Amino acid sequence: MGLKVQGDPRRPGEVNLWAPSSDAKEETSPSGSFLTIAASVLGCAAIFLKNKWFGWAALLCCCASFAHSTASEPLGKHTLTSVMFSIFALFQLYTAQLTELRVEK
């Protein structure tokens, strides 16, 4: 009833092992660098506009860009600079508020 095949039905000449193509580049998402740039811009806006929301958004973008980075790429100067800049912006905004409270008393 059934069809019987004798021997190996596969064709050894047609079997190709998978190998990554040589022209395929490693896929990198630009969102990590975008978040770093956004953090720098938001930190700058926080300092110049004296807005705490921009400072917290800058810190959030820094954390997201750090979490998005892979182990193969080192922690770059841009990421470290944006982290320090956003922390500095928040520090300046909150210490300026404390100084204004002391002056009013």
PDB file of N, CA and C in Angstrom:
ATOM      1  N   MET A   1       0.799  -1.185   0.000  1.00  0.00           N
ATOM      2  CA  MET A   1       0.000   0.000   0.000  1.00  0.00           C
ATOM      3  C   MET A   1       0.849   1.259   0.000  1.00  0.00           C
ATOM      4  N   GLY A   2       1.809   1.283   0.891  1.00  0.00           N
ATOM      5  CA  GLY A   2       2.620   2.482   0.976  1.00  0.00           C
ATOM      6  C   GLY A   2       3.767   2.471  -0.016  1.00  0.00           C
ATOM      7  N   LEU A   3       4.315   3.602  -0.244  1.00  0.00           N
ATOM      8  CA  LEU A   3       5.434   3.737  -1.151  1.00  0.00           C
ATOM      9  C   LEU A   3       6.708   3.461  -0.370  1.00  0.00           C
ATOM     10  N   LYS A   4       7.487   2.520  -0.827  1.00  0.00           N
ATOM     11  CA  LYS A   4       8.722   2.168  -0.142  1.00  0.00           C
ATOM     12  C   LYS A   4       9.884   2.751  -0.912  1.00  0.00           C
ATOM     13  N   VAL A   5      10.738   3.428  -0.173  1.00  0.00           N
ATOM     14  CA  VAL A   5      11.928   4.013  -0.778  1.00  0.00           C
ATOM     15  C   VAL A   5      13.127   3.276  -0.205  1.00  0.00           C
ATOM     16  N   GLN A   6      13.957   2.802  -1.067  1.00  0.00           N
ATOM     17  CA  GLN A   6      15.151   2.115  -0.598  1.00  0.00           C
ATOM     18  C   GLN A   6      16.309   3.094  -0.581  1.00  0.00           C
ATOM     19  N   GLY A   7      17.102   3.040   0.480  1.00  0.00           N
ATOM     20  CA  GLY A   7      18.253   3.916   0.598  1.00  0.00           C
ATOM     21  C   GLY A   7      17.872   5.273   1.181  1.00  0.00           C
ATOM     22  N   ASP A   8      18.768   6.212   1.088  1.00  0.00           N
ATOM     23  CA  ASP A   8      18.578   7.565   1.634  1.00  0.00           C
ATOM     24  C   ASP A   8      17.917   8.436   0.564  1.00  0.00           C
ATOM     25  N   PRO A   9      16.692   8.944   0.832  1.00  0.00           N
ATOM     26  CA  PRO A   9      16.008   9.730  -0.190  1.00  0.00           C
ATOM     27  C   PRO A   9      16.577  11.148  -0.339  1.00  0.00           C
ATOM     28  N   ARG A  10      17.386  11.596   0.601  1.00  0.00           N
ATOM     29  CA  ARG A  10      17.921  12.953   0.492  1.00  0.00           C
ATOM     30  C   ARG A  10      19.032  13.014  -0.557  1.00  0.00           C
ATOM     31  N   ARG A  11      19.182  14.168  -1.126  1.00  0.00           N
ATOM     32  CA  ARG A  11      20.234  14.363  -2.117  1.00  0.00           C
ATOM     33  C   ARG A  11      21.395  15.092  -1.446  1.00  0.00           C
ATOM     34  N   PRO A  12      22.506  14.438  -1.213  1.00  0.00           N
ATOM     35  CA  PRO A  12      23.616  15.086  -0.501  1.00  0.00           C
ATOM     36  C   PRO A  12      24.192  16.288  -1.238  1.00  0.00           C
ATOM     37  N   GLY A  13      24.040  16.341  -2.509  1.00  0.00           N
ATOM     38  CA  GLY A  13      24.554  17.485  -3.267  1.00  0.00           C
ATOM     39  C   GLY A  13      23.708  18.732  -3.082  1.00  0.00           C
ATOM     40  N   GLU A  14      22.477  18.569  -2.637  1.00  0.00           N
ATOM     41  CA  GLU A  14      21.560  19.687  -2.461  1.00  0.00           C
ATOM     42  C   GLU A  14      21.514  20.222  -1.031  1.00  0.00           C
ATOM     43  N   VAL A  15      22.184  19.574  -0.112  1.00  0.00           N
ATOM     44  CA  VAL A  15      22.163  19.994   1.286  1.00  0.00           C
ATOM     45  C   VAL A  15      23.209  21.088   1.481  1.00  0.00           C
ATOM     46  N   ASN A  16      22.763  22.245   1.953  1.00  0.00           N
ATOM     47  CA  ASN A  16      23.668  23.369   2.224  1.00  0.00           C
ATOM     48  C   ASN A  16      23.531  23.762   3.682  1.00  0.00           C
ATOM     49  N   LEU A  17      24.653  23.857   4.380  1.00  0.00           N
ATOM     50  CA  LEU A  17      24.631  24.296   5.763  1.00  0.00           C
ATOM     51  C   LEU A  17      24.438  25.799   5.802  1.00  0.00           C
ATOM     52  N   TRP A  18      23.719  26.271   6.824  1.00  0.00           N
ATOM     53  CA  TRP A  18      23.463  27.702   6.936  1.00  0.00           C
ATOM     54  C   TRP A  18      24.712  28.415   7.430  1.00  0.00           C
ATOM     55  N   ALA A  19      25.026  29.519   6.811  1.00  0.00           N
ATOM     56  CA  ALA A  19      26.134  30.379   7.231  1.00  0.00           C
ATOM     57  C   ALA A  19      25.675  31.814   7.027  1.00  0.00           C
ATOM     58  N   PRO A  20      26.025  32.702   7.969  1.00  0.00           N
ATOM     59  CA  PRO A  20      25.612  34.106   7.777  1.00  0.00           C
ATOM     60  C   PRO A  20      26.297  34.686   6.549  1.00  0.00           C
ATOM     61  N   SER A  21      25.575  35.511   5.843  1.00  0.00           N
ATOM     62  CA  SER A  21      26.140  36.101   4.634  1.00  0.00           C
ATOM     63  C   SER A  21      27.233  37.092   5.004  1.00  0.00           C
ATOM     64  N   SER A  22      28.199  37.210   4.147  1.00  0.00           N
ATOM     65  CA  SER A  22      29.345  38.067   4.439  1.00  0.00           C
ATOM     66  C   SER A  22      28.996  39.547   4.340  1.00  0.00           C
ATOM     67  N   ASP A  23      27.997  39.893   3.549  1.00  0.00           N
ATOM     68  CA  ASP A  23      27.629  41.303   3.403  1.00  0.00           C
ATOM     69  C   ASP A  23      26.584  41.751   4.416  1.00  0.00           C
ATOM     70  N   ALA A  24      26.109  40.835   5.247  1.00  0.00           N
ATOM     71  CA  ALA A  24      25.122  41.212   6.273  1.00  0.00           C
ATOM     72  C   ALA A  24      25.837  41.923   7.417  1.00  0.00           C
ATOM     73  N   LYS A  25      25.449  43.149   7.662  1.00  0.00           N
ATOM     74  CA  LYS A  25      26.049  43.922   8.742  1.00  0.00           C
ATOM     75  C   LYS A  25      25.341  43.633  10.043  1.00  0.00           C
ATOM     76  N   GLU A  26      26.038  43.858  11.132  1.00  0.00           N
ATOM     77  CA  GLU A  26      25.414  43.675  12.430  1.00  0.00           C
ATOM     78  C   GLU A  26      24.335  44.733  12.599  1.00  0.00           C
ATOM     79  N   GLU A  27      23.149  44.286  12.935  1.00  0.00           N
ATOM     80  CA  GLU A  27      22.036  45.208  13.062  1.00  0.00           C
ATOM     81  C   GLU A  27      22.170  46.003  14.353  1.00  0.00           C
ATOM     82  N   THR A  28      22.267  47.298  14.214  1.00  0.00           N
ATOM     83  CA  THR A  28      22.324  48.162  15.386  1.00  0.00           C
ATOM     84  C   THR A  28      21.153  49.124  15.308  1.00  0.00           C
ATOM     85  N   SER A  29      20.479  49.255  16.389  1.00  0.00           N
ATOM     86  CA  SER A  29      19.337  50.141  16.446  1.00  0.00           C
ATOM     87  C   SER A  29      19.806  51.550  16.784  1.00  0.00           C
ATOM     88  N   PRO A  30      19.336  52.553  16.074  1.00  0.00           N
ATOM     89  CA  PRO A  30      19.763  53.913  16.374  1.00  0.00           C
ATOM     90  C   PRO A  30      19.098  54.496  17.604  1.00  0.00           C
ATOM     91  N   SER A  31      18.208  53.739  18.251  1.00  0.00           N
ATOM     92  CA  SER A  31      17.469  54.309  19.369  1.00  0.00           C
ATOM     93  C   SER A  31      18.367  54.585  20.570  1.00  0.00           C
ATOM     94  N   GLY A  32      19.464  53.833  20.734  1.00  0.00           N
ATOM     95  CA  GLY A  32      20.380  54.091  21.841  1.00  0.00           C
ATOM     96  C   GLY A  32      21.057  55.440  21.713  1.00  0.00           C
ATOM     97  N   SER A  33      21.556  55.744  20.521  1.00  0.00           N
ATOM     98  CA  SER A  33      22.186  57.043  20.313  1.00  0.00           C
ATOM     99  C   SER A  33      21.146  58.158  20.310  1.00  0.00           C
ATOM    100  N   PHE A  34      19.942  57.854  19.827  1.00  0.00           N
ATOM    101  CA  PHE A  34      18.875  58.853  19.846  1.00  0.00           C
ATOM    102  C   PHE A  34      18.527  59.225  21.282  1.00  0.00           C
ATOM    103  N   LEU A  35      18.461  58.228  22.159  1.00  0.00           N
ATOM    104  CA  LEU A  35      18.150  58.506  23.564  1.00  0.00           C
ATOM    105  C   LEU A  35      19.251  59.311  24.226  1.00  0.00           C
ATOM    106  N   THR A  36      20.490  59.049  23.866  1.00  0.00           N
ATOM    107  CA  THR A  36      21.603  59.814  24.433  1.00  0.00           C
ATOM    108  C   THR A  36      21.539  61.269  23.992  1.00  0.00           C
ATOM    109  N   ILE A  37      21.247  61.488  22.730  1.00  0.00           N
ATOM    110  CA  ILE A  37      21.130  62.864  22.226  1.00  0.00           C
ATOM    111  C   ILE A  37      19.925  63.557  22.862  1.00  0.00           C
ATOM    112  N   ALA A  38      18.821  62.824  22.985  1.00  0.00           N
ATOM    113  CA  ALA A  38      17.627  63.396  23.624  1.00  0.00           C
ATOM    114  C   ALA A  38      17.919  63.759  25.073  1.00  0.00           C
ATOM    115  N   ALA A  39      18.704  62.933  25.760  1.00  0.00           N
ATOM    116  CA  ALA A  39      19.059  63.236  27.147  1.00  0.00           C
ATOM    117  C   ALA A  39      19.896  64.498  27.242  1.00  0.00           C
ATOM    118  N   SER A  40      20.820  64.674  26.310  1.00  0.00           N
ATOM    119  CA  SER A  40      21.640  65.891  26.316  1.00  0.00           C
ATOM    120  C   SER A  40      20.802  67.135  26.040  1.00  0.00           C
ATOM    121  N   VAL A  41      19.900  67.029  25.081  1.00  0.00           N
ATOM    122  CA  VAL A  41      19.042  68.174  24.738  1.00  0.00           C
ATOM    123  C   VAL A  41      18.099  68.498  25.894  1.00  0.00           C
ATOM    124  N   LEU A  42      17.520  67.463  26.498  1.00  0.00           N
ATOM    125  CA  LEU A  42      16.607  67.702  27.613  1.00  0.00           C
ATOM    126  C   LEU A  42      17.343  68.257  28.836  1.00  0.00           C
ATOM    127  N   GLY A  43      18.562  67.791  29.075  1.00  0.00           N
ATOM    128  CA  GLY A  43      19.347  68.340  30.175  1.00  0.00           C
ATOM    129  C   GLY A  43      19.673  69.809  29.957  1.00  0.00           C
ATOM    130  N   CYS A  44      20.006  70.147  28.713  1.00  0.00           N
ATOM    131  CA  CYS A  44      20.287  71.546  28.379  1.00  0.00           C
ATOM    132  C   CYS A  44      19.027  72.395  28.535  1.00  0.00           C
ATOM    133  N   ALA A  45      17.900  71.854  28.095  1.00  0.00           N
ATOM    134  CA  ALA A  45      16.635  72.580  28.241  1.00  0.00           C
ATOM    135  C   ALA A  45      16.266  72.735  29.712  1.00  0.00           C
ATOM    136  N   ALA A  46      16.585  71.746  30.526  1.00  0.00           N
ATOM    137  CA  ALA A  46      16.278  71.837  31.958  1.00  0.00           C
ATOM    138  C   ALA A  46      17.066  72.955  32.616  1.00  0.00           C
ATOM    139  N   ILE A  47      18.325  73.099  32.235  1.00  0.00           N
ATOM    140  CA  ILE A  47      19.154  74.152  32.834  1.00  0.00           C
ATOM    141  C   ILE A  47      18.705  75.531  32.355  1.00  0.00           C
ATOM    142  N   PHE A  48      18.524  75.687  31.049  1.00  0.00           N
ATOM    143  CA  PHE A  48      18.210  77.006  30.522  1.00  0.00           C
ATOM    144  C   PHE A  48      16.783  77.447  30.833  1.00  0.00           C
ATOM    145  N   LEU A  49      15.846  76.510  30.835  1.00  0.00           N
ATOM    146  CA  LEU A  49      14.455  76.862  31.099  1.00  0.00           C
ATOM    147  C   LEU A  49      14.068  76.710  32.566  1.00  0.00           C
ATOM    148  N   LYS A  50      14.990  76.166  33.368  1.00  0.00           N
ATOM    149  CA  LYS A  50      14.769  75.930  34.804  1.00  0.00           C
ATOM    150  C   LYS A  50      13.494  75.120  35.020  1.00  0.00           C
ATOM    151  N   ASN A  51      13.430  74.003  34.318  1.00  0.00           N
ATOM    152  CA  ASN A  51      12.264  73.135  34.367  1.00  0.00           C
ATOM    153  C   ASN A  51      12.706  71.760  34.862  1.00  0.00           C
ATOM    154  N   LYS A  52      12.143  71.317  35.977  1.00  0.00           N
ATOM    155  CA  LYS A  52      12.532  70.035  36.560  1.00  0.00           C
ATOM    156  C   LYS A  52      12.055  68.848  35.734  1.00  0.00           C
ATOM    157  N   TRP A  53      10.942  69.013  35.050  1.00  0.00           N
ATOM    158  CA  TRP A  53      10.418  67.909  34.242  1.00  0.00           C
ATOM    159  C   TRP A  53      11.390  67.533  33.143  1.00  0.00           C
ATOM    160  N   PHE A  54      12.025  68.522  32.526  1.00  0.00           N
ATOM    161  CA  PHE A  54      13.026  68.232  31.495  1.00  0.00           C
ATOM    162  C   PHE A  54      14.223  67.511  32.103  1.00  0.00           C
ATOM    163  N   GLY A  55      14.599  67.888  33.308  1.00  0.00           N
ATOM    164  CA  GLY A  55      15.716  67.227  33.977  1.00  0.00           C
ATOM    165  C   GLY A  55      15.432  65.770  34.274  1.00  0.00           C
ATOM    166  N   TRP A  56      14.224  65.492  34.766  1.00  0.00           N
ATOM    167  CA  TRP A  56      13.858  64.106  35.045  1.00  0.00           C
ATOM    168  C   TRP A  56      13.711  63.308  33.755  1.00  0.00           C
ATOM    169  N   ALA A  57      13.207  63.933  32.704  1.00  0.00           N
ATOM    170  CA  ALA A  57      13.104  63.247  31.411  1.00  0.00           C
ATOM    171  C   ALA A  57      14.495  62.937  30.855  1.00  0.00           C
ATOM    172  N   ALA A  58      15.440  63.857  31.064  1.00  0.00           N
ATOM    173  CA  ALA A  58      16.819  63.617  30.624  1.00  0.00           C
ATOM    174  C   ALA A  58      17.426  62.439  31.372  1.00  0.00           C
ATOM    175  N   LEU A  59      17.195  62.365  32.668  1.00  0.00           N
ATOM    176  CA  LEU A  59      17.711  61.243  33.450  1.00  0.00           C
ATOM    177  C   LEU A  59      17.062  59.934  33.019  1.00  0.00           C
ATOM    178  N   LEU A  60      15.790  59.966  32.707  1.00  0.00           N
ATOM    179  CA  LEU A  60      15.095  58.777  32.224  1.00  0.00           C
ATOM    180  C   LEU A  60      15.652  58.325  30.877  1.00  0.00           C
ATOM    181  N   CYS A  61      15.928  59.263  29.987  1.00  0.00           N
ATOM    182  CA  CYS A  61      16.513  58.922  28.687  1.00  0.00           C
ATOM    183  C   CYS A  61      17.914  58.340  28.858  1.00  0.00           C
ATOM    184  N   CYS A  62      18.668  58.860  29.809  1.00  0.00           N
ATOM    185  CA  CYS A  62      20.004  58.315  30.076  1.00  0.00           C
ATOM    186  C   CYS A  62      19.920  56.878  30.550  1.00  0.00           C
ATOM    187  N   CYS A  63      19.012  56.618  31.455  1.00  0.00           N
ATOM    188  CA  CYS A  63      18.845  55.246  31.959  1.00  0.00           C
ATOM    189  C   CYS A  63      18.395  54.310  30.846  1.00  0.00           C
ATOM    190  N   ALA A  64      17.511  54.788  29.988  1.00  0.00           N
ATOM    191  CA  ALA A  64      17.034  53.960  28.883  1.00  0.00           C
ATOM    192  C   ALA A  64      18.145  53.691  27.867  1.00  0.00           C
ATOM    193  N   SER A  65      18.968  54.688  27.576  1.00  0.00           N
ATOM    194  CA  SER A  65      20.058  54.465  26.625  1.00  0.00           C
ATOM    195  C   SER A  65      21.115  53.539  27.217  1.00  0.00           C
ATOM    196  N   PHE A  66      21.338  53.628  28.523  1.00  0.00           N
ATOM    197  CA  PHE A  66      22.276  52.716  29.180  1.00  0.00           C
ATOM    198  C   PHE A  66      21.733  51.291  29.164  1.00  0.00           C
ATOM    199  N   ALA A  67      20.431  51.137  29.405  1.00  0.00           N
ATOM    200  CA  ALA A  67      19.826  49.807  29.391  1.00  0.00           C
ATOM    201  C   ALA A  67      19.758  49.241  27.979  1.00  0.00           C
ATOM    202  N   HIS A  68      19.684  50.096  26.987  1.00  0.00           N
ATOM    203  CA  HIS A  68      19.583  49.650  25.603  1.00  0.00           C
ATOM    204  C   HIS A  68      20.945  49.249  25.028  1.00  0.00           C
ATOM    205  N   SER A  69      22.022  49.711  25.633  1.00  0.00           N
ATOM    206  CA  SER A  69      23.346  49.404  25.101  1.00  0.00           C
ATOM    207  C   SER A  69      23.650  47.917  25.259  1.00  0.00           C
ATOM    208  N   THR A  70      24.437  47.396  24.349  1.00  0.00           N
ATOM    209  CA  THR A  70      24.785  45.976  24.382  1.00  0.00           C
ATOM    210  C   THR A  70      26.154  45.806  25.017  1.00  0.00           C
ATOM    211  N   ALA A  71      26.482  44.563  25.310  1.00  0.00           N
ATOM    212  CA  ALA A  71      27.771  44.280  25.942  1.00  0.00           C
ATOM    213  C   ALA A  71      28.918  44.466  24.962  1.00  0.00           C
ATOM    214  N   SER A  72      28.641  44.347  23.664  1.00  0.00           N
ATOM    215  CA  SER A  72      29.709  44.467  22.674  1.00  0.00           C
ATOM    216  C   SER A  72      30.175  45.915  22.502  1.00  0.00           C
ATOM    217  N   GLU A  73      29.291  46.866  22.768  1.00  0.00           N
ATOM    218  CA  GLU A  73      29.692  48.269  22.635  1.00  0.00           C
ATOM    219  C   GLU A  73      30.013  48.826  24.024  1.00  0.00           C
ATOM    220  N   PRO A  74      31.150  49.470  24.152  1.00  0.00           N
ATOM    221  CA  PRO A  74      31.526  49.984  25.476  1.00  0.00           C
ATOM    222  C   PRO A  74      30.677  51.192  25.859  1.00  0.00           C
ATOM    223  N   LEU A  75      30.682  51.497  27.144  1.00  0.00           N
ATOM    224  CA  LEU A  75      29.961  52.670  27.622  1.00  0.00           C
ATOM    225  C   LEU A  75      30.695  53.903  27.094  1.00  0.00           C
ATOM    226  N   GLY A  76      30.087  54.573  26.150  1.00  0.00           N
ATOM    227  CA  GLY A  76      30.746  55.662  25.448  1.00  0.00           C
ATOM    228  C   GLY A  76      30.776  56.953  26.244  1.00  0.00           C
ATOM    229  N   LYS A  77      31.559  57.865  25.731  1.00  0.00           N
ATOM    230  CA  LYS A  77      31.667  59.175  26.371  1.00  0.00           C
ATOM    231  C   LYS A  77      30.342  59.920  26.299  1.00  0.00           C
ATOM    232  N   HIS A  78      29.599  59.696  25.229  1.00  0.00           N
ATOM    233  CA  HIS A  78      28.326  60.401  25.073  1.00  0.00           C
ATOM    234  C   HIS A  78      27.333  59.987  26.154  1.00  0.00           C
ATOM    235  N   THR A  79      27.274  58.704  26.427  1.00  0.00           N
ATOM    236  CA  THR A  79      26.351  58.228  27.453  1.00  0.00           C
ATOM    237  C   THR A  79      26.752  58.746  28.820  1.00  0.00           C
ATOM    238  N   LEU A  80      28.039  58.666  29.124  1.00  0.00           N
ATOM    239  CA  LEU A  80      28.524  59.150  30.412  1.00  0.00           C
ATOM    240  C   LEU A  80      28.330  60.656  30.550  1.00  0.00           C
ATOM    241  N   THR A  81      28.559  61.381  29.473  1.00  0.00           N
ATOM    242  CA  THR A  81      28.375  62.827  29.501  1.00  0.00           C
ATOM    243  C   THR A  81      26.907  63.192  29.704  1.00  0.00           C
ATOM    244  N   SER A  82      26.010  62.490  29.030  1.00  0.00           N
ATOM    245  CA  SER A  82      24.594  62.810  29.186  1.00  0.00           C
ATOM    246  C   SER A  82      24.098  62.459  30.593  1.00  0.00           C
ATOM    247  N   VAL A  83      24.614  61.386  31.183  1.00  0.00           N
ATOM    248  CA  VAL A  83      24.241  61.047  32.561  1.00  0.00           C
ATOM    249  C   VAL A  83      24.703  62.141  33.516  1.00  0.00           C
ATOM    250  N   MET A  84      25.952  62.553  33.399  1.00  0.00           N
ATOM    251  CA  MET A  84      26.473  63.594  34.288  1.00  0.00           C
ATOM    252  C   MET A  84      25.757  64.924  34.052  1.00  0.00           C
ATOM    253  N   PHE A  85      25.434  65.220  32.814  1.00  0.00           N
ATOM    254  CA  PHE A  85      24.763  66.481  32.505  1.00  0.00           C
ATOM    255  C   PHE A  85      23.351  66.508  33.086  1.00  0.00           C
ATOM    256  N   SER A  86      22.638  65.395  32.996  1.00  0.00           N
ATOM    257  CA  SER A  86      21.277  65.375  33.541  1.00  0.00           C
ATOM    258  C   SER A  86      21.294  65.409  35.063  1.00  0.00           C
ATOM    259  N   ILE A  87      22.252  64.731  35.678  1.00  0.00           N
ATOM    260  CA  ILE A  87      22.373  64.795  37.142  1.00  0.00           C
ATOM    261  C   ILE A  87      22.752  66.203  37.583  1.00  0.00           C
ATOM    262  N   PHE A  88      23.647  66.846  36.842  1.00  0.00           N
ATOM    263  CA  PHE A  88      24.023  68.222  37.157  1.00  0.00           C
ATOM    264  C   PHE A  88      22.829  69.161  37.018  1.00  0.00           C
ATOM    265  N   ALA A  89      22.014  68.948  35.981  1.00  0.00           N
ATOM    266  CA  ALA A  89      20.839  69.806  35.785  1.00  0.00           C
ATOM    267  C   ALA A  89      19.871  69.659  36.947  1.00  0.00           C
ATOM    268  N   LEU A  90      19.614  68.435  37.372  1.00  0.00           N
ATOM    269  CA  LEU A  90      18.717  68.232  38.512  1.00  0.00           C
ATOM    270  C   LEU A  90      19.301  68.799  39.798  1.00  0.00           C
ATOM    271  N   PHE A  91      20.601  68.619  39.990  1.00  0.00           N
ATOM    272  CA  PHE A  91      21.263  69.154  41.181  1.00  0.00           C
ATOM    273  C   PHE A  91      21.153  70.674  41.215  1.00  0.00           C
ATOM    274  N   GLN A  92      21.403  71.301  40.078  1.00  0.00           N
ATOM    275  CA  GLN A  92      21.330  72.766  40.022  1.00  0.00           C
ATOM    276  C   GLN A  92      19.909  73.261  40.265  1.00  0.00           C
ATOM    277  N   LEU A  93      18.929  72.585  39.708  1.00  0.00           N
ATOM    278  CA  LEU A  93      17.547  73.027  39.870  1.00  0.00           C
ATOM    279  C   LEU A  93      17.067  72.897  41.309  1.00  0.00           C
ATOM    280  N   TYR A  94      17.414  71.793  41.949  1.00  0.00           N
ATOM    281  CA  TYR A  94      16.944  71.599  43.319  1.00  0.00           C
ATOM    282  C   TYR A  94      17.738  72.436  44.327  1.00  0.00           C
ATOM    283  N   THR A  95      19.028  72.668  44.100  1.00  0.00           N
ATOM    284  CA  THR A  95      19.777  73.529  45.023  1.00  0.00           C
ATOM    285  C   THR A  95      19.390  74.993  44.859  1.00  0.00           C
ATOM    286  N   ALA A  96      19.019  75.394  43.643  1.00  0.00           N
ATOM    287  CA  ALA A  96      18.551  76.767  43.446  1.00  0.00           C
ATOM    288  C   ALA A  96      17.243  76.986  44.189  1.00  0.00           C
ATOM    289  N   GLN A  97      16.395  75.982  44.236  1.00  0.00           N
ATOM    290  CA  GLN A  97      15.141  76.096  44.962  1.00  0.00           C
ATOM    291  C   GLN A  97      15.406  76.192  46.465  1.00  0.00           C
ATOM    292  N   LEU A  98      16.369  75.433  46.970  1.00  0.00           N
ATOM    293  CA  LEU A  98      16.710  75.510  48.390  1.00  0.00           C
ATOM    294  C   LEU A  98      17.299  76.871  48.751  1.00  0.00           C
ATOM    295  N   THR A  99      18.096  77.427  47.862  1.00  0.00           N
ATOM    296  CA  THR A  99      18.687  78.747  48.116  1.00  0.00           C
ATOM    297  C   THR A  99      17.606  79.809  48.150  1.00  0.00           C
ATOM    298  N   GLU A 100      16.620  79.705  47.269  1.00  0.00           N
ATOM    299  CA  GLU A 100      15.524  80.684  47.281  1.00  0.00           C
ATOM    300  C   GLU A 100      14.708  80.585  48.541  1.00  0.00           C
ATOM    301  N   LEU A 101      14.528  79.383  49.079  1.00  0.00           N
ATOM    302  CA  LEU A 101      13.786  79.221  50.339  1.00  0.00           C
ATOM    303  C   LEU A 101      14.546  79.845  51.507  1.00  0.00           C
ATOM    304  N   ARG A 102      15.858  79.718  51.515  1.00  0.00           N
ATOM    305  CA  ARG A 102      16.657  80.293  52.593  1.00  0.00           C
ATOM    306  C   ARG A 102      16.663  81.808  52.545  1.00  0.00           C
ATOM    307  N   VAL A 103      16.654  82.382  51.349  1.00  0.00           N
ATOM    308  CA  VAL A 103      16.682  83.822  51.198  1.00  0.00           C
ATOM    309  C   VAL A 103      15.345  84.434  51.667  1.00  0.00           C
ATOM    310  N   GLU A 104      14.248  83.734  51.412  1.00  0.00           N
ATOM    311  CA  GLU A 104      12.937  84.259  51.779  1.00  0.00           C
ATOM    312  C   GLU A 104      12.720  84.292  53.281  1.00  0.00           C
ATOM    313  N   LYS A 105      13.384  83.430  54.041  1.00  0.00           N
ATOM    314  CA  LYS A 105      13.186  83.406  55.496  1.00  0.00           C
ATOM    315  C   LYS A 105      13.850  84.537  56.120  1.00  0.00           C
TER     316      LYS A 105
END
